[in-house]
Amino acid sequence: MLWAEVRELFPDQFVLVEELKSHYEDDKLHVEEVAVIKPIHDQHEAWKELFSAKNERFVYHTSNEAIIVEVRDKPMIRRSHNDES
């Protein structure tokens, strides 16, 4: 389903969706088609769904005209070793 269709069906609310078609442009993911998993009725539920979402699933608000996500590399995690003898 196109994002414009999702916006018409679920105006001004969060939705849990699965990415079906997308492309990268200038370090940004432009999502073109999604499958709606379910509408989300409040912000608290949206946070819960967002943090438990896996793979190509994510939560987005239909007030956004397009789904464009900035892609960032994960910074390396460094641990300091304490050599206490």
N, C-alpha and C. Protein backbone atom coordinates (compact mmCIF):
# COMPACT_ATOMS: atom_id res chain seq x y z
N MET A 1 0.84 -1.17 0.00
CA MET A 1 0.00 0.00 0.00
C MET A 1 0.89 1.24 0.00
N LEU A 2 0.53 2.21 -0.77
CA LEU A 2 1.28 3.46 -0.80
C LEU A 2 1.04 4.25 0.48
N TRP A 3 2.04 5.03 0.89
CA TRP A 3 1.93 5.81 2.11
C TRP A 3 0.75 6.78 2.06
N ALA A 4 0.48 7.36 0.90
CA ALA A 4 -0.64 8.29 0.75
C ALA A 4 -1.97 7.59 1.08
N GLU A 5 -2.09 6.33 0.71
CA GLU A 5 -3.30 5.56 1.02
C GLU A 5 -3.42 5.30 2.52
N VAL A 6 -2.29 4.98 3.15
CA VAL A 6 -2.28 4.76 4.60
C VAL A 6 -2.72 6.03 5.32
N ARG A 7 -2.22 7.17 4.87
CA ARG A 7 -2.56 8.45 5.48
C ARG A 7 -4.05 8.74 5.38
N GLU A 8 -4.67 8.35 4.28
CA GLU A 8 -6.12 8.56 4.11
C GLU A 8 -6.93 7.64 5.02
N LEU A 9 -6.49 6.39 5.14
CA LEU A 9 -7.23 5.42 5.95
C LEU A 9 -7.07 5.63 7.45
N PHE A 10 -5.89 6.13 7.86
CA PHE A 10 -5.58 6.29 9.29
C PHE A 10 -5.08 7.71 9.54
N PRO A 11 -5.94 8.71 9.40
CA PRO A 11 -5.49 10.10 9.55
C PRO A 11 -5.02 10.44 10.96
N ASP A 12 -3.92 11.17 11.02
CA ASP A 12 -3.38 11.75 12.25
C ASP A 12 -3.23 10.74 13.40
N GLN A 13 -2.58 9.62 13.08
CA GLN A 13 -2.29 8.65 14.14
C GLN A 13 -1.06 7.82 13.80
N PHE A 14 -0.56 7.13 14.80
CA PHE A 14 0.57 6.24 14.60
C PHE A 14 0.07 4.93 14.00
N VAL A 15 0.92 4.33 13.16
CA VAL A 15 0.62 3.01 12.61
C VAL A 15 1.88 2.15 12.67
N LEU A 16 1.68 0.87 12.92
CA LEU A 16 2.77 -0.10 12.83
C LEU A 16 2.73 -0.64 11.41
N VAL A 17 3.83 -0.48 10.70
CA VAL A 17 3.88 -0.89 9.30
C VAL A 17 5.10 -1.77 9.04
N GLU A 18 5.05 -2.47 7.92
CA GLU A 18 6.20 -3.24 7.47
C GLU A 18 6.59 -2.71 6.10
N GLU A 19 7.86 -2.41 5.96
CA GLU A 19 8.39 -1.88 4.69
C GLU A 19 8.33 -2.96 3.62
N LEU A 20 7.77 -2.60 2.46
CA LEU A 20 7.70 -3.53 1.33
C LEU A 20 8.59 -3.10 0.17
N LYS A 21 8.64 -1.79 -0.06
CA LYS A 21 9.44 -1.28 -1.17
C LYS A 21 10.07 0.04 -0.75
N SER A 22 11.38 0.18 -1.01
CA SER A 22 12.08 1.40 -0.61
C SER A 22 13.34 1.55 -1.45
N HIS A 23 13.96 2.71 -1.31
CA HIS A 23 15.25 2.95 -1.97
C HIS A 23 16.05 3.93 -1.12
N TYR A 24 17.38 3.89 -1.29
CA TYR A 24 18.27 4.81 -0.58
C TYR A 24 18.65 5.96 -1.48
N GLU A 25 18.71 7.14 -0.87
CA GLU A 25 19.10 8.34 -1.59
C GLU A 25 19.77 9.28 -0.59
N ASP A 26 21.04 9.58 -0.79
CA ASP A 26 21.79 10.50 0.08
C ASP A 26 21.69 10.11 1.56
N ASP A 27 22.04 8.89 1.89
CA ASP A 27 22.01 8.40 3.27
C ASP A 27 20.63 8.45 3.92
N LYS A 28 19.60 8.41 3.11
CA LYS A 28 18.24 8.41 3.63
C LYS A 28 17.46 7.27 2.96
N LEU A 29 16.65 6.60 3.77
CA LEU A 29 15.80 5.54 3.26
C LEU A 29 14.44 6.15 2.92
N HIS A 30 14.04 6.03 1.69
CA HIS A 30 12.74 6.52 1.23
C HIS A 30 11.83 5.30 1.05
N VAL A 31 10.85 5.17 1.94
CA VAL A 31 9.94 4.03 1.90
C VAL A 31 8.77 4.39 0.99
N GLU A 32 8.53 3.54 0.01
CA GLU A 32 7.49 3.80 -0.97
C GLU A 32 6.21 3.03 -0.70
N GLU A 33 6.35 1.75 -0.32
CA GLU A 33 5.18 0.93 -0.06
C GLU A 33 5.33 0.21 1.28
N VAL A 34 4.19 0.09 1.97
CA VAL A 34 4.17 -0.57 3.28
C VAL A 34 2.94 -1.47 3.39
N ALA A 35 3.01 -2.40 4.33
CA ALA A 35 1.84 -3.17 4.73
C ALA A 35 1.49 -2.70 6.14
N VAL A 36 0.25 -2.32 6.35
CA VAL A 36 -0.17 -1.86 7.67
C VAL A 36 -0.41 -3.09 8.54
N ILE A 37 0.29 -3.16 9.65
CA ILE A 37 0.09 -4.24 10.61
C ILE A 37 -1.08 -3.89 11.52
N LYS A 38 -1.04 -2.67 12.07
CA LYS A 38 -2.17 -2.22 12.89
C LYS A 38 -2.05 -0.73 13.19
N PRO A 39 -3.19 -0.07 13.38
CA PRO A 39 -3.16 1.31 13.85
C PRO A 39 -2.84 1.33 15.34
N ILE A 40 -2.23 2.40 15.80
CA ILE A 40 -1.87 2.55 17.21
C ILE A 40 -2.58 3.78 17.74
N HIS A 41 -3.27 3.62 18.86
CA HIS A 41 -4.18 4.66 19.31
C HIS A 41 -3.62 5.69 20.27
N ASP A 42 -2.46 5.41 20.89
CA ASP A 42 -1.89 6.42 21.77
C ASP A 42 -0.36 6.35 21.73
N GLN A 43 0.27 7.40 22.21
CA GLN A 43 1.72 7.53 22.12
C GLN A 43 2.44 6.48 22.97
N HIS A 44 1.89 6.14 24.12
CA HIS A 44 2.51 5.13 24.98
C HIS A 44 2.59 3.78 24.25
N GLU A 45 1.50 3.39 23.61
CA GLU A 45 1.49 2.14 22.85
C GLU A 45 2.45 2.24 21.66
N ALA A 46 2.54 3.43 21.06
CA ALA A 46 3.46 3.62 19.93
C ALA A 46 4.90 3.37 20.35
N TRP A 47 5.28 3.87 21.54
CA TRP A 47 6.65 3.64 22.03
C TRP A 47 6.91 2.16 22.26
N LYS A 48 5.93 1.48 22.87
CA LYS A 48 6.09 0.03 23.12
C LYS A 48 6.27 -0.72 21.82
N GLU A 49 5.45 -0.42 20.84
CA GLU A 49 5.53 -1.10 19.54
C GLU A 49 6.85 -0.78 18.83
N LEU A 50 7.28 0.46 18.93
CA LEU A 50 8.52 0.87 18.28
C LEU A 50 9.71 0.08 18.83
N PHE A 51 9.79 -0.03 20.15
CA PHE A 51 10.93 -0.71 20.76
C PHE A 51 10.89 -2.22 20.59
N SER A 52 9.72 -2.79 20.32
CA SER A 52 9.65 -4.23 20.10
C SER A 52 9.62 -4.60 18.62
N ALA A 53 9.57 -3.61 17.74
CA ALA A 53 9.52 -3.87 16.30
C ALA A 53 10.84 -4.50 15.82
N LYS A 54 10.73 -5.42 14.87
CA LYS A 54 11.90 -6.11 14.34
C LYS A 54 11.87 -6.10 12.82
N ASN A 55 13.05 -6.32 12.27
CA ASN A 55 13.23 -6.43 10.82
C ASN A 55 12.75 -5.17 10.12
N GLU A 56 11.83 -5.29 9.20
CA GLU A 56 11.38 -4.13 8.42
C GLU A 56 10.15 -3.46 9.02
N ARG A 57 9.79 -3.82 10.22
CA ARG A 57 8.63 -3.20 10.87
C ARG A 57 9.05 -1.97 11.66
N PHE A 58 8.20 -0.95 11.64
CA PHE A 58 8.45 0.27 12.39
C PHE A 58 7.16 1.02 12.60
N VAL A 59 7.20 2.00 13.48
CA VAL A 59 6.05 2.84 13.79
C VAL A 59 6.28 4.21 13.17
N TYR A 60 5.24 4.76 12.55
CA TYR A 60 5.34 6.07 11.92
C TYR A 60 4.01 6.79 12.07
N HIS A 61 4.05 8.11 12.09
CA HIS A 61 2.83 8.90 12.25
C HIS A 61 2.35 9.39 10.90
N THR A 62 1.06 9.28 10.68
CA THR A 62 0.50 9.62 9.37
C THR A 62 0.43 11.13 9.10
N SER A 63 0.83 11.95 10.05
CA SER A 63 0.91 13.39 9.76
C SER A 63 2.10 13.69 8.85
N ASN A 64 3.03 12.74 8.73
CA ASN A 64 4.18 12.91 7.83
C ASN A 64 3.78 12.62 6.39
N GLU A 65 4.13 13.52 5.50
CA GLU A 65 3.74 13.36 4.09
C GLU A 65 4.46 12.21 3.41
N ALA A 66 5.65 11.89 3.86
CA ALA A 66 6.44 10.81 3.27
C ALA A 66 7.20 10.10 4.37
N ILE A 67 7.60 8.87 4.09
CA ILE A 67 8.44 8.13 5.03
C ILE A 67 9.87 8.24 4.55
N ILE A 68 10.63 9.08 5.22
CA ILE A 68 12.04 9.27 4.90
C ILE A 68 12.81 9.16 6.21
N VAL A 69 13.70 8.19 6.27
CA VAL A 69 14.43 7.91 7.50
C VAL A 69 15.91 8.11 7.27
N GLU A 70 16.54 8.90 8.12
CA GLU A 70 17.98 9.10 8.02
C GLU A 70 18.68 7.84 8.51
N VAL A 71 19.62 7.35 7.73
CA VAL A 71 20.33 6.13 8.06
C VAL A 71 21.68 6.50 8.65
N ARG A 72 21.93 5.99 9.84
CA ARG A 72 23.20 6.27 10.51
C ARG A 72 23.91 4.95 10.81
N ASP A 73 25.22 4.96 10.69
CA ASP A 73 25.99 3.80 11.10
C ASP A 73 26.04 3.78 12.61
N LYS A 74 26.03 2.59 13.17
CA LYS A 74 26.14 2.47 14.62
C LYS A 74 27.57 2.75 15.03
N PRO A 75 27.76 3.61 16.00
CA PRO A 75 29.13 3.88 16.45
C PRO A 75 29.71 2.65 17.14
N MET A 76 31.00 2.51 17.01
CA MET A 76 31.65 1.39 17.67
C MET A 76 31.64 1.61 19.18
N ILE A 77 31.44 0.56 19.88
CA ILE A 77 31.44 0.64 21.34
C ILE A 77 32.81 0.20 21.82
N ARG A 78 33.44 1.03 22.58
CA ARG A 78 34.76 0.72 23.10
C ARG A 78 34.67 0.54 24.61
N ARG A 79 35.34 -0.45 25.07
CA ARG A 79 35.38 -0.68 26.51
C ARG A 79 36.79 -0.39 26.99
N SER A 80 36.87 0.27 28.11
CA SER A 80 38.19 0.48 28.71
C SER A 80 38.42 -0.64 29.71
N HIS A 81 39.62 -1.13 29.73
CA HIS A 81 39.97 -2.23 30.62
C HIS A 81 40.74 -1.67 31.81
N ASN A 82 40.27 -1.97 32.99
CA ASN A 82 40.97 -1.60 34.21
C ASN A 82 41.86 -2.77 34.63
N ASP A 83 43.14 -2.55 34.61
CA ASP A 83 44.06 -3.59 35.04
C ASP A 83 44.47 -3.33 36.46
N GLU A 84 43.63 -3.78 37.36
CA GLU A 84 43.95 -3.58 38.77
C GLU A 84 44.60 -4.85 39.29
N SER A 85 45.81 -4.71 39.81
CA SER A 85 46.53 -5.88 40.32
C SER A 85 46.75 -5.76 41.81
